[in-house]
Amino acid sequence: MSAEKVKGPASYFPSIEKTYGRPVQEWLDMIEPRSGEPHMAIVKWLKEEHELGHGHANALVAYQLAKKKSDNGAKP
């Protein structure tokens, strides 16, 4: 029996950690205070200020915003 394959934004996490040398939780902690901003504004900030690629930035933002919705009782 094989382990269940990670899907969605979290599937990018190993690559993000390897590429940028920071734990994913550190990125999520940086995004959290901006979670009231539009998705693409946060993506743009990550790309411009931290030089993340679009896919990696988008995955982090999508994950964090879905988590915030889930934490507030809404479905991600």
PDB file of N, CA and C in Angstrom:
ATOM      1  N   MET A   1       0.836  -1.179   0.000  1.00  0.00           N
ATOM      2  CA  MET A   1       0.000   0.000   0.000  1.00  0.00           C
ATOM      3  C   MET A   1       0.887   1.251   0.000  1.00  0.00           C
ATOM      4  N   SER A   2       0.588   2.211  -0.840  1.00  0.00           N
ATOM      5  CA  SER A   2       1.397   3.429  -0.910  1.00  0.00           C
ATOM      6  C   SER A   2       0.737   4.557  -0.119  1.00  0.00           C
ATOM      7  N   ALA A   3       1.560   5.514   0.281  1.00  0.00           N
ATOM      8  CA  ALA A   3       1.040   6.676   1.004  1.00  0.00           C
ATOM      9  C   ALA A   3       0.207   7.530   0.059  1.00  0.00           C
ATOM     10  N   GLU A   4      -0.786   8.204   0.618  1.00  0.00           N
ATOM     11  CA  GLU A   4      -1.628   9.063  -0.194  1.00  0.00           C
ATOM     12  C   GLU A   4      -0.807  10.238  -0.721  1.00  0.00           C
ATOM     13  N   LYS A   5      -0.927  10.520  -2.007  1.00  0.00           N
ATOM     14  CA  LYS A   5      -0.191  11.609  -2.630  1.00  0.00           C
ATOM     15  C   LYS A   5      -0.794  12.956  -2.233  1.00  0.00           C
ATOM     16  N   VAL A   6       0.081  13.887  -1.866  1.00  0.00           N
ATOM     17  CA  VAL A   6      -0.365  15.232  -1.499  1.00  0.00           C
ATOM     18  C   VAL A   6      -0.860  15.925  -2.761  1.00  0.00           C
ATOM     19  N   LYS A   7      -2.001  16.593  -2.645  1.00  0.00           N
ATOM     20  CA  LYS A   7      -2.591  17.288  -3.783  1.00  0.00           C
ATOM     21  C   LYS A   7      -2.769  18.758  -3.458  1.00  0.00           C
ATOM     22  N   GLY A   8      -3.075  19.539  -4.480  1.00  0.00           N
ATOM     23  CA  GLY A   8      -3.362  20.953  -4.289  1.00  0.00           C
ATOM     24  C   GLY A   8      -2.118  21.762  -3.966  1.00  0.00           C
ATOM     25  N   PRO A   9      -2.309  22.930  -3.377  1.00  0.00           N
ATOM     26  CA  PRO A   9      -1.184  23.826  -3.103  1.00  0.00           C
ATOM     27  C   PRO A   9      -0.072  23.186  -2.275  1.00  0.00           C
ATOM     28  N   ALA A  10      -0.435  22.306  -1.341  1.00  0.00           N
ATOM     29  CA  ALA A  10       0.569  21.679  -0.480  1.00  0.00           C
ATOM     30  C   ALA A  10       1.540  20.806  -1.265  1.00  0.00           C
ATOM     31  N   SER A  11       1.169  20.400  -2.465  1.00  0.00           N
ATOM     32  CA  SER A  11       2.078  19.581  -3.274  1.00  0.00           C
ATOM     33  C   SER A  11       3.335  20.366  -3.676  1.00  0.00           C
ATOM     34  N   TYR A  12       3.267  21.685  -3.606  1.00  0.00           N
ATOM     35  CA  TYR A  12       4.417  22.531  -3.931  1.00  0.00           C
ATOM     36  C   TYR A  12       5.381  22.702  -2.754  1.00  0.00           C
ATOM     37  N   PHE A  13       4.948  22.372  -1.549  1.00  0.00           N
ATOM     38  CA  PHE A  13       5.721  22.702  -0.360  1.00  0.00           C
ATOM     39  C   PHE A  13       7.143  22.137  -0.338  1.00  0.00           C
ATOM     40  N   PRO A  14       7.376  20.871  -0.683  1.00  0.00           N
ATOM     41  CA  PRO A  14       8.758  20.382  -0.666  1.00  0.00           C
ATOM     42  C   PRO A  14       9.669  21.178  -1.612  1.00  0.00           C
ATOM     43  N   SER A  15       9.158  21.523  -2.772  1.00  0.00           N
ATOM     44  CA  SER A  15       9.935  22.301  -3.737  1.00  0.00           C
ATOM     45  C   SER A  15      10.195  23.717  -3.232  1.00  0.00           C
ATOM     46  N   ILE A  16       9.215  24.317  -2.580  1.00  0.00           N
ATOM     47  CA  ILE A  16       9.373  25.669  -2.040  1.00  0.00           C
ATOM     48  C   ILE A  16      10.474  25.674  -0.986  1.00  0.00           C
ATOM     49  N   GLU A  17      10.436  24.700  -0.081  1.00  0.00           N
ATOM     50  CA  GLU A  17      11.465  24.639   0.963  1.00  0.00           C
ATOM     51  C   GLU A  17      12.848  24.417   0.368  1.00  0.00           C
ATOM     52  N   LYS A  18      12.938  23.542  -0.608  1.00  0.00           N
ATOM     53  CA  LYS A  18      14.226  23.250  -1.240  1.00  0.00           C
ATOM     54  C   LYS A  18      14.747  24.457  -2.018  1.00  0.00           C
ATOM     55  N   THR A  19      13.881  25.122  -2.758  1.00  0.00           N
ATOM     56  CA  THR A  19      14.287  26.234  -3.619  1.00  0.00           C
ATOM     57  C   THR A  19      14.686  27.476  -2.839  1.00  0.00           C
ATOM     58  N   TYR A  20      13.927  27.800  -1.791  1.00  0.00           N
ATOM     59  CA  TYR A  20      14.132  29.073  -1.093  1.00  0.00           C
ATOM     60  C   TYR A  20      14.789  28.933   0.274  1.00  0.00           C
ATOM     61  N   GLY A  21      14.983  27.692   0.741  1.00  0.00           N
ATOM     62  CA  GLY A  21      15.708  27.451   1.979  1.00  0.00           C
ATOM     63  C   GLY A  21      15.012  27.909   3.247  1.00  0.00           C
ATOM     64  N   ARG A  22      13.709  28.083   3.188  1.00  0.00           N
ATOM     65  CA  ARG A  22      12.928  28.486   4.356  1.00  0.00           C
ATOM     66  C   ARG A  22      11.792  27.490   4.538  1.00  0.00           C
ATOM     67  N   PRO A  23      11.433  27.207   5.779  1.00  0.00           N
ATOM     68  CA  PRO A  23      10.284  26.320   5.996  1.00  0.00           C
ATOM     69  C   PRO A  23       8.987  26.975   5.507  1.00  0.00           C
ATOM     70  N   VAL A  24       8.079  26.174   5.046  1.00  0.00           N
ATOM     71  CA  VAL A  24       6.799  26.678   4.545  1.00  0.00           C
ATOM     72  C   VAL A  24       6.088  27.493   5.621  1.00  0.00           C
ATOM     73  N   GLN A  25       6.159  27.048   6.869  1.00  0.00           N
ATOM     74  CA  GLN A  25       5.466  27.770   7.932  1.00  0.00           C
ATOM     75  C   GLN A  25       5.958  29.211   8.045  1.00  0.00           C
ATOM     76  N   GLU A  26       7.228  29.441   7.772  1.00  0.00           N
ATOM     77  CA  GLU A  26       7.758  30.805   7.798  1.00  0.00           C
ATOM     78  C   GLU A  26       7.080  31.670   6.736  1.00  0.00           C
ATOM     79  N   TRP A  27       6.899  31.118   5.529  1.00  0.00           N
ATOM     80  CA  TRP A  27       6.201  31.842   4.462  1.00  0.00           C
ATOM     81  C   TRP A  27       4.759  32.108   4.857  1.00  0.00           C
ATOM     82  N   LEU A  28       4.093  31.092   5.409  1.00  0.00           N
ATOM     83  CA  LEU A  28       2.692  31.248   5.800  1.00  0.00           C
ATOM     84  C   LEU A  28       2.544  32.303   6.892  1.00  0.00           C
ATOM     85  N   ASP A  29       3.505  32.341   7.808  1.00  0.00           N
ATOM     86  CA  ASP A  29       3.475  33.351   8.870  1.00  0.00           C
ATOM     87  C   ASP A  29       3.642  34.758   8.295  1.00  0.00           C
ATOM     88  N   MET A  30       4.435  34.899   7.232  1.00  0.00           N
ATOM     89  CA  MET A  30       4.603  36.209   6.594  1.00  0.00           C
ATOM     90  C   MET A  30       3.338  36.628   5.843  1.00  0.00           C
ATOM     91  N   ILE A  31       2.635  35.665   5.285  1.00  0.00           N
ATOM     92  CA  ILE A  31       1.422  35.946   4.511  1.00  0.00           C
ATOM     93  C   ILE A  31       0.248  36.285   5.420  1.00  0.00           C
ATOM     94  N   GLU A  32       0.177  35.664   6.568  1.00  0.00           N
ATOM     95  CA  GLU A  32      -0.993  35.781   7.455  1.00  0.00           C
ATOM     96  C   GLU A  32      -1.429  37.218   7.715  1.00  0.00           C
ATOM     97  N   PRO A  33      -0.529  38.147   8.044  1.00  0.00           N
ATOM     98  CA  PRO A  33      -0.990  39.517   8.289  1.00  0.00           C
ATOM     99  C   PRO A  33      -1.583  40.202   7.047  1.00  0.00           C
ATOM    100  N   ARG A  34      -1.293  39.678   5.869  1.00  0.00           N
ATOM    101  CA  ARG A  34      -1.792  40.247   4.617  1.00  0.00           C
ATOM    102  C   ARG A  34      -3.038  39.527   4.115  1.00  0.00           C
ATOM    103  N   SER A  35      -3.551  38.598   4.895  1.00  0.00           N
ATOM    104  CA  SER A  35      -4.624  37.738   4.390  1.00  0.00           C
ATOM    105  C   SER A  35      -5.936  38.469   4.109  1.00  0.00           C
ATOM    106  N   GLY A  36      -6.039  39.734   4.486  1.00  0.00           N
ATOM    107  CA  GLY A  36      -7.210  40.527   4.122  1.00  0.00           C
ATOM    108  C   GLY A  36      -7.088  41.167   2.752  1.00  0.00           C
ATOM    109  N   GLU A  37      -5.902  41.089   2.165  1.00  0.00           N
ATOM    110  CA  GLU A  37      -5.650  41.659   0.835  1.00  0.00           C
ATOM    111  C   GLU A  37      -6.103  40.680  -0.248  1.00  0.00           C
ATOM    112  N   PRO A  38      -6.297  41.163  -1.464  1.00  0.00           N
ATOM    113  CA  PRO A  38      -6.649  40.255  -2.567  1.00  0.00           C
ATOM    114  C   PRO A  38      -5.530  39.235  -2.831  1.00  0.00           C
ATOM    115  N   HIS A  39      -5.947  38.051  -3.216  1.00  0.00           N
ATOM    116  CA  HIS A  39      -5.036  36.943  -3.502  1.00  0.00           C
ATOM    117  C   HIS A  39      -3.852  37.393  -4.365  1.00  0.00           C
ATOM    118  N   MET A  40      -4.154  38.005  -5.502  1.00  0.00           N
ATOM    119  CA  MET A  40      -3.085  38.352  -6.444  1.00  0.00           C
ATOM    120  C   MET A  40      -2.187  39.473  -5.921  1.00  0.00           C
ATOM    121  N   ALA A  41      -2.670  40.301  -5.031  1.00  0.00           N
ATOM    122  CA  ALA A  41      -1.821  41.335  -4.428  1.00  0.00           C
ATOM    123  C   ALA A  41      -0.761  40.688  -3.543  1.00  0.00           C
ATOM    124  N   ILE A  42      -1.147  39.634  -2.836  1.00  0.00           N
ATOM    125  CA  ILE A  42      -0.184  38.925  -1.982  1.00  0.00           C
ATOM    126  C   ILE A  42       0.810  38.167  -2.854  1.00  0.00           C
ATOM    127  N   VAL A  43       0.331  37.547  -3.912  1.00  0.00           N
ATOM    128  CA  VAL A  43       1.226  36.851  -4.847  1.00  0.00           C
ATOM    129  C   VAL A  43       2.257  37.833  -5.408  1.00  0.00           C
ATOM    130  N   LYS A  44       1.787  38.984  -5.831  1.00  0.00           N
ATOM    131  CA  LYS A  44       2.681  40.003  -6.387  1.00  0.00           C
ATOM    132  C   LYS A  44       3.731  40.415  -5.366  1.00  0.00           C
ATOM    133  N   TRP A  45       3.324  40.611  -4.128  1.00  0.00           N
ATOM    134  CA  TRP A  45       4.249  40.974  -3.058  1.00  0.00           C
ATOM    135  C   TRP A  45       5.322  39.903  -2.862  1.00  0.00           C
ATOM    136  N   LEU A  46       4.922  38.645  -2.835  1.00  0.00           N
ATOM    137  CA  LEU A  46       5.897  37.558  -2.674  1.00  0.00           C
ATOM    138  C   LEU A  46       6.883  37.514  -3.842  1.00  0.00           C
ATOM    139  N   LYS A  47       6.374  37.740  -5.028  1.00  0.00           N
ATOM    140  CA  LYS A  47       7.234  37.719  -6.213  1.00  0.00           C
ATOM    141  C   LYS A  47       8.210  38.895  -6.213  1.00  0.00           C
ATOM    142  N   GLU A  48       7.714  40.082  -5.902  1.00  0.00           N
ATOM    143  CA  GLU A  48       8.547  41.280  -5.972  1.00  0.00           C
ATOM    144  C   GLU A  48       9.488  41.424  -4.780  1.00  0.00           C
ATOM    145  N   GLU A  49       9.003  41.167  -3.590  1.00  0.00           N
ATOM    146  CA  GLU A  49       9.804  41.388  -2.380  1.00  0.00           C
ATOM    147  C   GLU A  49      10.674  40.189  -2.007  1.00  0.00           C
ATOM    148  N   HIS A  50      10.238  38.983  -2.374  1.00  0.00           N
ATOM    149  CA  HIS A  50      10.946  37.785  -1.940  1.00  0.00           C
ATOM    150  C   HIS A  50      11.427  36.913  -3.097  1.00  0.00           C
ATOM    151  N   GLU A  51      11.163  37.358  -4.329  1.00  0.00           N
ATOM    152  CA  GLU A  51      11.632  36.697  -5.538  1.00  0.00           C
ATOM    153  C   GLU A  51      11.159  35.247  -5.677  1.00  0.00           C
ATOM    154  N   LEU A  52       9.943  34.983  -5.214  1.00  0.00           N
ATOM    155  CA  LEU A  52       9.358  33.668  -5.431  1.00  0.00           C
ATOM    156  C   LEU A  52       8.828  33.587  -6.854  1.00  0.00           C
ATOM    157  N   GLY A  53       8.834  32.383  -7.403  1.00  0.00           N
ATOM    158  CA  GLY A  53       8.204  32.165  -8.688  1.00  0.00           C
ATOM    159  C   GLY A  53       6.696  32.251  -8.536  1.00  0.00           C
ATOM    160  N   HIS A  54       6.001  32.481  -9.641  1.00  0.00           N
ATOM    161  CA  HIS A  54       4.551  32.660  -9.593  1.00  0.00           C
ATOM    162  C   HIS A  54       3.837  31.441  -9.007  1.00  0.00           C
ATOM    163  N   GLY A  55       4.186  30.258  -9.467  1.00  0.00           N
ATOM    164  CA  GLY A  55       3.513  29.044  -8.988  1.00  0.00           C
ATOM    165  C   GLY A  55       3.696  28.824  -7.502  1.00  0.00           C
ATOM    166  N   HIS A  56       4.913  29.043  -7.019  1.00  0.00           N
ATOM    167  CA  HIS A  56       5.180  28.872  -5.594  1.00  0.00           C
ATOM    168  C   HIS A  56       4.438  29.920  -4.771  1.00  0.00           C
ATOM    169  N   ALA A  57       4.470  31.162  -5.203  1.00  0.00           N
ATOM    170  CA  ALA A  57       3.761  32.230  -4.489  1.00  0.00           C
ATOM    171  C   ALA A  57       2.264  31.948  -4.472  1.00  0.00           C
ATOM    172  N   ASN A  58       1.732  31.562  -5.594  1.00  0.00           N
ATOM    173  CA  ASN A  58       0.298  31.283  -5.705  1.00  0.00           C
ATOM    174  C   ASN A  58      -0.108  30.127  -4.791  1.00  0.00           C
ATOM    175  N   ALA A  59       0.710  29.082  -4.737  1.00  0.00           N
ATOM    176  CA  ALA A  59       0.401  27.927  -3.882  1.00  0.00           C
ATOM    177  C   ALA A  59       0.377  28.325  -2.416  1.00  0.00           C
ATOM    178  N   LEU A  60       1.354  29.106  -1.981  1.00  0.00           N
ATOM    179  CA  LEU A  60       1.397  29.546  -0.584  1.00  0.00           C
ATOM    180  C   LEU A  60       0.186  30.400  -0.226  1.00  0.00           C
ATOM    181  N   VAL A  61      -0.157  31.329  -1.105  1.00  0.00           N
ATOM    182  CA  VAL A  61      -1.285  32.219  -0.837  1.00  0.00           C
ATOM    183  C   VAL A  61      -2.595  31.428  -0.838  1.00  0.00           C
ATOM    184  N   ALA A  62      -2.778  30.565  -1.807  1.00  0.00           N
ATOM    185  CA  ALA A  62      -4.012  29.770  -1.872  1.00  0.00           C
ATOM    186  C   ALA A  62      -4.169  28.927  -0.611  1.00  0.00           C
ATOM    187  N   TYR A  63      -3.086  28.309  -0.172  1.00  0.00           N
ATOM    188  CA  TYR A  63      -3.134  27.476   1.025  1.00  0.00           C
ATOM    189  C   TYR A  63      -3.474  28.317   2.251  1.00  0.00           C
ATOM    190  N   GLN A  64      -2.786  29.434   2.426  1.00  0.00           N
ATOM    191  CA  GLN A  64      -3.006  30.278   3.608  1.00  0.00           C
ATOM    192  C   GLN A  64      -4.418  30.853   3.637  1.00  0.00           C
ATOM    193  N   LEU A  65      -4.909  31.322   2.512  1.00  0.00           N
ATOM    194  CA  LEU A  65      -6.254  31.902   2.486  1.00  0.00           C
ATOM    195  C   LEU A  65      -7.324  30.835   2.728  1.00  0.00           C
ATOM    196  N   ALA A  66      -7.120  29.637   2.189  1.00  0.00           N
ATOM    197  CA  ALA A  66      -8.071  28.547   2.430  1.00  0.00           C
ATOM    198  C   ALA A  66      -8.040  28.140   3.903  1.00  0.00           C
ATOM    199  N   LYS A  67      -6.852  28.120   4.485  1.00  0.00           N
ATOM    200  CA  LYS A  67      -6.714  27.780   5.902  1.00  0.00           C
ATOM    201  C   LYS A  67      -7.427  28.822   6.766  1.00  0.00           C
ATOM    202  N   LYS A  68      -7.267  30.084   6.422  1.00  0.00           N
ATOM    203  CA  LYS A  68      -7.921  31.150   7.193  1.00  0.00           C
ATOM    204  C   LYS A  68      -9.445  31.002   7.118  1.00  0.00           C
ATOM    205  N   LYS A  69      -9.966  30.722   5.925  1.00  0.00           N
ATOM    206  CA  LYS A  69     -11.412  30.521   5.781  1.00  0.00           C
ATOM    207  C   LYS A  69     -11.866  29.333   6.619  1.00  0.00           C
ATOM    208  N   SER A  70     -11.083  28.261   6.587  1.00  0.00           N
ATOM    209  CA  SER A  70     -11.400  27.064   7.351  1.00  0.00           C
ATOM    210  C   SER A  70     -11.364  27.344   8.848  1.00  0.00           C
ATOM    211  N   ASP A  71     -10.383  28.093   9.286  1.00  0.00           N
ATOM    212  CA  ASP A  71     -10.268  28.457  10.707  1.00  0.00           C
ATOM    213  C   ASP A  71     -11.427  29.322  11.170  1.00  0.00           C
ATOM    214  N   ASN A  72     -12.014  30.066  10.235  1.00  0.00           N
ATOM    215  CA  ASN A  72     -13.149  30.925  10.574  1.00  0.00           C
ATOM    216  C   ASN A  72     -14.484  30.220  10.416  1.00  0.00           C
ATOM    217  N   GLY A  73     -14.448  28.914  10.171  1.00  0.00           N
ATOM    218  CA  GLY A  73     -15.680  28.139  10.086  1.00  0.00           C
ATOM    219  C   GLY A  73     -16.242  27.983   8.688  1.00  0.00           C
ATOM    220  N   ALA A  74     -15.598  28.594   7.687  1.00  0.00           N
ATOM    221  CA  ALA A  74     -16.063  28.453   6.311  1.00  0.00           C
ATOM    222  C   ALA A  74     -15.283  27.332   5.634  1.00  0.00           C
ATOM    223  N   LYS A  75     -15.857  26.772   4.608  1.00  0.00           N
ATOM    224  CA  LYS A  75     -15.142  25.737   3.850  1.00  0.00           C
ATOM    225  C   LYS A  75     -14.059  26.381   3.004  1.00  0.00           C
ATOM    226  N   PRO A  76     -12.864  25.710   2.943  1.00  0.00           N
ATOM    227  CA  PRO A  76     -11.791  26.265   2.087  1.00  0.00           C
ATOM    228  C   PRO A  76     -12.114  26.162   0.621  1.00  0.00           C
TER     229      PRO A  76
END
